[in-house]
Amino acid sequence: MTPLQRYIAEEIAVDHADGLIPRREALRRLALLGFGVAAASSLLAACASDAAAPNPTPAPPVGTPSASAASPGRAIVVTQAITFAGPQGRTLQGAWAPAALPRGSVLVIHENRGLTDHIRSVAGRLAADGYSALAIDLLSEEGGTASFSDSARATAALGAAPPERLVADMRAGVGELERRQPGKKCGVIGFCFGGGMVWLLLDAGEPLLSAAVPFYGPLPDNADFAGSSAAVLAIYAELDSRVNATREAATDALTRAGVTFEVTTFPGVNHAFFNDTGARYDASAAADAYQKVLGWFGRHLG
C-alpha cells in the first residue's frame, strides 16, 4: 500500500470513528481501496480506540450548500469548465475563474473526492479577491470526477493514481496558469488530500511557484523542499491529530530548505474545518484562515 492509499484509508476510518459515516459504508469504501473484511475491520477498530474528542462546536449536516456560493454579499466568480494540455499528450480538465484585475494566479487542489462544487467555489472566491484561479481535476485521466458514480469510487481512483502522474498533472496546471496569466506570480493551495498534493509539488521542486498553502495535508515520506523557493503558509487544525503527527517534520523540512514559511494551527477545530459543505466546518476559523491566505498571497504573489 502506498503512503497515499494509507492516508485515504485512515481518513475513512477516522470519519467512521467520528460518526460521519456508518460502518457498512466505511467497509465499502475500504473495499474499493483493496482492503479485505478482516483488514478493514482491524483498521476501523484501531481508529475507533484512538478517536479524538468531537469538535464541541455544533456542525452543519453533510451536504449543506456551499456558503462560498450561497451566502448573500460574498463575492464569487462563476467558474468555467476548461480543458488544457497535459503531459504526454493527455488532456486535463479543470474549472477556471479569471480575476477582473489579476494580482497573481493560484492552482487549487481538491480533496480526495475530486473536483467538487466546493472546490470550484474556492477558485471563484480567490478570483473575486484578485487571484485568477484554476481548480484542476486530478481524475482527468479517468474521465474526470463527474464520470464516477459516487465519491467513494473517485477517492479510490485517486488513491490508485501514481504520485508521479499527479505531480506531472499539477505542473501542467501551473504551466496553464502561466499561459493564461503571463507575467503574474503563481501560487498553489490545497485541502486535505490536496494539501498533501501541495507538499508533494513542493517536494518535486516546481520552480514556477512563488507561494503555497497546504491545508492540513499529509507530508510525503522523507520530504525535501530544497528545490523549492515558494513561501509556504502551512495550516493545521488542533484536533486533527493524525495529520498533526507530521507537522514537526514539515517544519523541520521547511527550515532545512531555508524558505520563507509560517505554520499556523487553528485551535478547537478539526480536519477539513474549511470545507463549508462538510460536517467539520467551522465558520469562524474558516473565515480567519481565508483572510490569512489572502494576506499571504498578497505578500508573495502581489
Protein backbone atom coordinates (compact mmCIF):
# COMPACT_ATOMS: atom_id res chain seq x y z
CA MET A 1 0.00 0.00 0.00
CA THR A 2 1.33 3.41 -0.95
CA PRO A 3 1.52 6.28 1.56
CA LEU A 4 -1.29 7.98 -0.34
CA GLN A 5 -3.56 4.94 -0.08
CA ARG A 6 -2.70 4.60 3.60
CA TYR A 7 -3.68 8.21 4.22
CA ILE A 8 -7.01 7.79 2.42
CA ALA A 9 -7.77 4.56 4.27
CA GLU A 10 -7.05 6.18 7.63
CA GLU A 11 -9.23 9.15 6.70
CA ILE A 12 -12.14 6.79 6.02
CA ALA A 13 -11.56 5.06 9.35
CA VAL A 14 -11.42 8.38 11.23
CA ASP A 15 -14.63 9.54 9.54
CA HIS A 16 -16.28 6.36 10.82
CA ALA A 17 -14.81 6.82 14.31
CA ASP A 18 -16.16 10.38 14.40
CA GLY A 19 -19.63 9.19 13.42
CA LEU A 20 -19.64 10.77 9.97
CA ILE A 21 -20.20 7.52 8.06
CA PRO A 22 -21.72 4.20 9.19
CA ARG A 23 -19.67 1.03 9.47
CA ARG A 24 -21.14 -0.54 6.36
CA GLU A 25 -20.21 2.49 4.26
CA ALA A 26 -16.71 2.58 5.76
CA LEU A 27 -16.22 -1.09 4.88
CA ARG A 28 -17.45 -0.44 1.34
CA ARG A 29 -15.04 2.44 0.85
CA LEU A 30 -12.13 0.44 2.26
CA ALA A 31 -13.02 -2.47 -0.04
CA LEU A 32 -12.71 -0.12 -3.01
CA LEU A 33 -9.16 0.56 -1.82
CA GLY A 34 -8.43 -3.17 -1.79
CA PHE A 35 -8.99 -3.96 1.90
CA GLY A 36 -10.40 -7.34 2.86
CA VAL A 37 -13.04 -7.50 5.58
CA ALA A 38 -10.58 -8.56 8.30
CA ALA A 39 -8.03 -5.84 7.50
CA ALA A 40 -10.72 -3.20 7.18
CA SER A 41 -12.31 -4.21 10.50
CA SER A 42 -8.94 -4.03 12.23
CA LEU A 43 -8.31 -0.54 10.88
CA LEU A 44 -11.74 0.68 11.96
CA ALA A 45 -11.22 -0.76 15.43
CA ALA A 46 -7.79 0.85 15.78
CA CYS A 47 -9.07 4.28 14.75
CA ALA A 48 -12.12 3.97 16.99
CA SER A 49 -9.90 3.37 20.01
CA ASP A 50 -7.77 6.40 19.14
CA ALA A 51 -10.66 8.70 18.22
CA ALA A 52 -10.22 12.25 19.39
CA ALA A 53 -12.92 14.09 21.31
CA PRO A 54 -15.56 15.51 18.96
CA ASN A 55 -15.50 19.15 17.99
CA PRO A 56 -17.56 20.94 20.65
CA THR A 57 -18.87 23.40 18.05
CA PRO A 58 -22.13 22.14 16.50
CA ALA A 59 -21.53 21.27 12.86
CA PRO A 60 -23.89 21.64 9.91
CA PRO A 61 -25.12 18.44 8.27
CA VAL A 62 -23.19 16.97 5.37
CA GLY A 63 -24.49 18.38 2.12
CA THR A 64 -25.16 21.93 3.32
CA PRO A 65 -24.93 24.18 0.23
CA SER A 66 -21.58 25.87 -0.13
CA ALA A 67 -21.56 29.09 1.83
CA SER A 68 -18.94 30.36 -0.61
CA ALA A 69 -21.58 30.42 -3.30
CA ALA A 70 -24.77 30.82 -1.29
CA SER A 71 -24.08 33.42 1.39
CA PRO A 72 -25.51 36.84 0.47
CA GLY A 73 -22.87 39.51 -0.02
CA ARG A 74 -19.93 37.15 -0.51
CA ALA A 75 -18.27 37.85 -3.85
CA ILE A 76 -17.56 34.93 -6.13
CA VAL A 77 -16.64 34.45 -9.78
CA VAL A 78 -18.51 31.66 -11.53
CA THR A 79 -16.01 29.13 -12.85
CA GLN A 80 -15.79 27.94 -16.43
CA ALA A 81 -15.17 24.29 -17.30
CA ILE A 82 -12.00 24.07 -19.39
CA THR A 83 -9.60 21.54 -20.84
CA PHE A 84 -5.90 22.09 -21.37
CA ALA A 85 -2.82 20.24 -22.49
CA GLY A 86 -1.35 17.80 -20.02
CA PRO A 87 1.86 15.74 -20.06
CA GLN A 88 2.45 13.06 -22.69
CA GLY A 89 -0.31 14.36 -24.93
CA ARG A 90 -3.06 13.87 -22.35
CA THR A 91 -5.95 16.32 -21.93
CA LEU A 92 -6.62 17.68 -18.46
CA GLN A 93 -9.85 19.13 -17.08
CA GLY A 94 -10.38 21.98 -14.67
CA ALA A 95 -12.51 24.90 -13.54
CA TRP A 96 -11.21 28.34 -14.48
CA ALA A 97 -12.06 31.54 -12.59
CA PRO A 98 -10.46 34.67 -14.09
CA ALA A 99 -9.97 37.73 -11.91
CA ALA A 100 -11.06 41.06 -13.38
CA LEU A 101 -7.77 42.72 -12.40
CA PRO A 102 -5.45 39.82 -11.55
CA ARG A 103 -2.75 40.35 -8.95
CA GLY A 104 -1.49 36.78 -9.38
CA SER A 105 -2.74 33.29 -10.15
CA VAL A 106 -3.46 30.23 -7.99
CA LEU A 107 -3.71 26.50 -8.69
CA VAL A 108 -6.41 24.95 -6.46
CA ILE A 109 -6.04 21.28 -5.50
CA HIS A 110 -9.13 19.36 -4.43
CA GLU A 111 -9.79 16.95 -1.57
CA ASN A 112 -9.96 13.20 -2.08
CA ARG A 113 -13.46 13.37 -3.58
CA GLY A 114 -12.18 15.06 -6.70
CA LEU A 115 -13.23 18.35 -8.25
CA THR A 116 -16.42 19.30 -6.40
CA ASP A 117 -18.63 22.39 -6.30
CA HIS A 118 -16.96 23.37 -3.03
CA ILE A 119 -13.53 23.44 -4.66
CA ARG A 120 -14.95 25.37 -7.60
CA SER A 121 -16.29 27.90 -5.13
CA VAL A 122 -12.83 28.31 -3.58
CA ALA A 123 -11.45 29.13 -7.04
CA GLY A 124 -14.31 31.59 -7.53
CA ARG A 125 -13.65 33.32 -4.22
CA LEU A 126 -9.97 33.70 -4.99
CA ALA A 127 -10.79 35.21 -8.38
CA ALA A 128 -13.21 37.67 -6.79
CA ASP A 129 -10.36 38.71 -4.48
CA GLY A 130 -7.92 39.32 -7.32
CA TYR A 131 -6.27 35.93 -7.95
CA SER A 132 -7.18 34.13 -11.14
CA ALA A 133 -7.63 30.51 -10.14
CA LEU A 134 -7.57 27.13 -11.83
CA ALA A 135 -9.09 24.21 -9.92
CA ILE A 136 -7.53 21.16 -11.56
CA ASP A 137 -9.25 17.78 -11.81
CA LEU A 138 -6.64 15.18 -10.90
CA LEU A 139 -9.00 12.47 -12.15
CA SER A 140 -8.81 13.76 -15.72
CA GLU A 141 -7.11 10.60 -16.97
CA GLU A 142 -10.00 8.54 -15.57
CA GLY A 143 -12.54 10.71 -17.41
CA GLY A 144 -12.90 13.40 -14.75
CA THR A 145 -14.58 13.45 -11.35
CA ALA A 146 -18.04 13.68 -12.92
CA SER A 147 -17.55 10.30 -14.59
CA PHE A 148 -17.68 8.43 -11.27
CA SER A 149 -20.94 7.06 -9.91
CA ASP A 150 -20.12 8.15 -6.37
CA SER A 151 -17.44 9.99 -4.43
CA ALA A 152 -16.06 6.80 -2.86
CA ARG A 153 -15.08 5.44 -6.27
CA ALA A 154 -13.45 8.76 -7.12
CA THR A 155 -11.48 8.56 -3.87
CA ALA A 156 -10.32 5.03 -4.63
CA ALA A 157 -9.17 6.09 -8.10
CA LEU A 158 -7.14 8.95 -6.64
CA GLY A 159 -5.54 6.52 -4.21
CA ALA A 160 -4.53 4.27 -7.10
CA ALA A 161 -3.06 7.08 -9.22
CA PRO A 162 0.75 7.10 -9.39
CA PRO A 163 2.15 10.08 -7.47
CA GLU A 164 4.43 10.85 -10.43
CA ARG A 165 1.39 11.35 -12.65
CA LEU A 166 -0.30 13.60 -10.10
CA VAL A 167 2.82 15.77 -9.88
CA ALA A 168 3.08 15.96 -13.66
CA ASP A 169 -0.57 17.00 -13.92
CA MET A 170 -0.17 19.69 -11.26
CA ARG A 171 2.89 21.02 -13.06
CA ALA A 172 0.82 21.20 -16.24
CA GLY A 173 -1.76 23.19 -14.26
CA VAL A 174 0.91 25.65 -13.17
CA GLY A 175 2.01 25.90 -16.79
CA GLU A 176 -1.55 26.62 -17.87
CA LEU A 177 -1.76 29.45 -15.37
CA GLU A 178 1.47 30.86 -16.77
CA ARG A 179 -0.04 30.70 -20.25
CA ARG A 180 -3.30 32.36 -19.24
CA GLN A 181 -1.77 34.96 -16.91
CA PRO A 182 1.69 35.75 -18.32
CA GLY A 183 3.90 37.80 -16.09
CA LYS A 184 1.90 37.05 -12.93
CA LYS A 185 3.34 35.13 -10.00
CA CYS A 186 1.78 31.75 -9.33
CA GLY A 187 0.70 30.11 -6.09
CA VAL A 188 -0.96 26.84 -5.08
CA ILE A 189 -3.50 25.93 -2.41
CA GLY A 190 -4.87 22.51 -1.48
CA PHE A 191 -7.08 20.89 1.14
CA CYS A 192 -6.73 17.51 2.92
CA PHE A 193 -5.59 15.18 0.10
CA GLY A 194 -4.97 18.38 -1.87
CA GLY A 195 -2.83 19.72 0.97
CA GLY A 196 -0.73 16.59 0.64
CA MET A 197 -0.50 17.25 -3.09
CA VAL A 198 0.81 20.76 -2.37
CA TRP A 199 3.56 19.24 -0.20
CA LEU A 200 4.28 16.73 -2.99
CA LEU A 201 4.59 19.53 -5.57
CA LEU A 202 6.98 21.42 -3.29
CA ASP A 203 8.98 18.23 -2.76
CA ALA A 204 9.25 17.91 -6.55
CA GLY A 205 10.86 21.36 -6.68
CA GLU A 206 8.35 23.06 -9.01
CA PRO A 207 10.28 26.25 -9.96
CA LEU A 208 7.34 28.42 -11.05
CA LEU A 209 5.68 28.61 -7.63
CA SER A 210 6.06 31.75 -5.52
CA ALA A 211 3.63 30.81 -2.72
CA ALA A 212 1.97 27.67 -1.37
CA VAL A 213 -0.77 27.00 1.19
CA PRO A 214 -1.31 23.37 2.24
CA PHE A 215 -4.38 23.00 4.48
CA TYR A 216 -3.96 20.05 6.90
CA GLY A 217 -2.13 17.99 4.29
CA PRO A 218 -0.17 14.81 5.00
CA LEU A 219 3.57 15.20 4.49
CA PRO A 220 5.30 12.88 1.97
CA ASP A 221 7.82 10.48 3.42
CA ASN A 222 11.34 11.97 3.59
CA ALA A 223 10.12 15.35 2.33
CA ASP A 224 12.84 17.61 0.96
CA PHE A 225 11.95 21.14 -0.14
CA ALA A 226 15.46 22.22 -1.03
CA GLY A 227 14.49 22.60 -4.69
CA SER A 228 11.60 24.96 -3.95
CA SER A 229 11.63 28.71 -3.39
CA ALA A 230 7.91 29.12 -2.67
CA ALA A 231 6.84 30.89 0.53
CA VAL A 232 4.75 28.38 2.48
CA LEU A 233 1.80 29.02 4.79
CA ALA A 234 1.02 25.63 6.40
CA ILE A 235 -2.39 25.46 8.08
CA TYR A 236 -3.33 22.81 10.64
CA ALA A 237 -6.30 22.08 12.91
CA GLU A 238 -5.75 21.48 16.63
CA LEU A 239 -7.97 18.38 16.83
CA ASP A 240 -6.54 16.77 13.69
CA SER A 241 -4.08 14.53 15.50
CA ARG A 242 -3.46 12.25 12.52
CA VAL A 243 -2.15 14.98 10.20
CA ASN A 244 -0.61 16.94 13.07
CA ALA A 245 1.71 13.98 13.65
CA THR A 246 3.69 15.18 10.60
CA ARG A 247 3.64 18.89 11.49
CA GLU A 248 7.03 18.89 13.21
CA ALA A 249 8.61 17.04 10.29
CA ALA A 250 7.11 19.60 7.90
CA THR A 251 8.52 22.45 9.98
CA ASP A 252 11.94 20.80 10.04
CA ALA A 253 11.92 20.26 6.27
CA LEU A 254 10.92 23.88 5.62
CA THR A 255 13.65 25.10 7.98
CA ARG A 256 16.29 22.97 6.26
CA ALA A 257 15.19 24.30 2.87
CA GLY A 258 15.67 27.88 4.03
CA VAL A 259 12.38 29.07 2.54
CA THR A 260 10.03 31.68 3.97
CA PHE A 261 7.31 29.89 5.90
CA GLU A 262 4.71 30.12 8.63
CA VAL A 263 2.98 27.24 10.41
CA THR A 264 -0.42 28.06 11.90
CA THR A 265 -2.62 25.74 13.96
CA PHE A 266 -6.24 26.81 14.47
CA PRO A 267 -7.48 25.98 17.98
CA GLY A 268 -10.58 23.93 18.74
CA VAL A 269 -11.24 22.75 15.18
CA ASN A 270 -10.77 19.52 13.29
CA HIS A 271 -9.59 18.27 9.93
CA ALA A 272 -11.45 19.85 6.98
CA PHE A 273 -12.73 22.79 9.05
CA PHE A 274 -12.54 25.00 5.93
CA ASN A 275 -14.99 22.90 3.87
CA ASP A 276 -18.37 24.60 4.19
CA THR A 277 -20.18 21.55 2.81
CA GLY A 278 -18.75 19.17 5.42
CA ALA A 279 -19.65 18.08 8.92
CA ARG A 280 -16.48 19.52 10.48
CA TYR A 281 -16.91 23.02 9.04
CA ASP A 282 -16.18 25.86 11.43
CA ALA A 283 -17.32 29.20 10.00
CA SER A 284 -15.24 31.42 12.27
CA ALA A 285 -11.98 29.51 11.80
CA ALA A 286 -12.60 29.20 8.06
CA ALA A 287 -13.11 32.95 7.73
CA ASP A 288 -9.94 33.66 9.71
CA ALA A 289 -7.97 31.14 7.67
CA TYR A 290 -9.15 32.66 4.41
CA GLN A 291 -8.01 36.10 5.49
CA LYS A 292 -4.59 34.64 6.34
CA VAL A 293 -4.48 33.07 2.88
CA LEU A 294 -5.29 36.39 1.21
CA GLY A 295 -2.64 38.14 3.29
CA TRP A 296 -0.06 35.50 2.36
CA PHE A 297 -0.85 35.70 -1.34
CA GLY A 298 -0.86 39.49 -1.10
CA ARG A 299 2.69 39.46 0.24
CA HIS A 300 4.11 36.79 -2.04
CA LEU A 301 2.10 36.96 -5.26
CA GLY A 302 1.40 40.69 -5.46
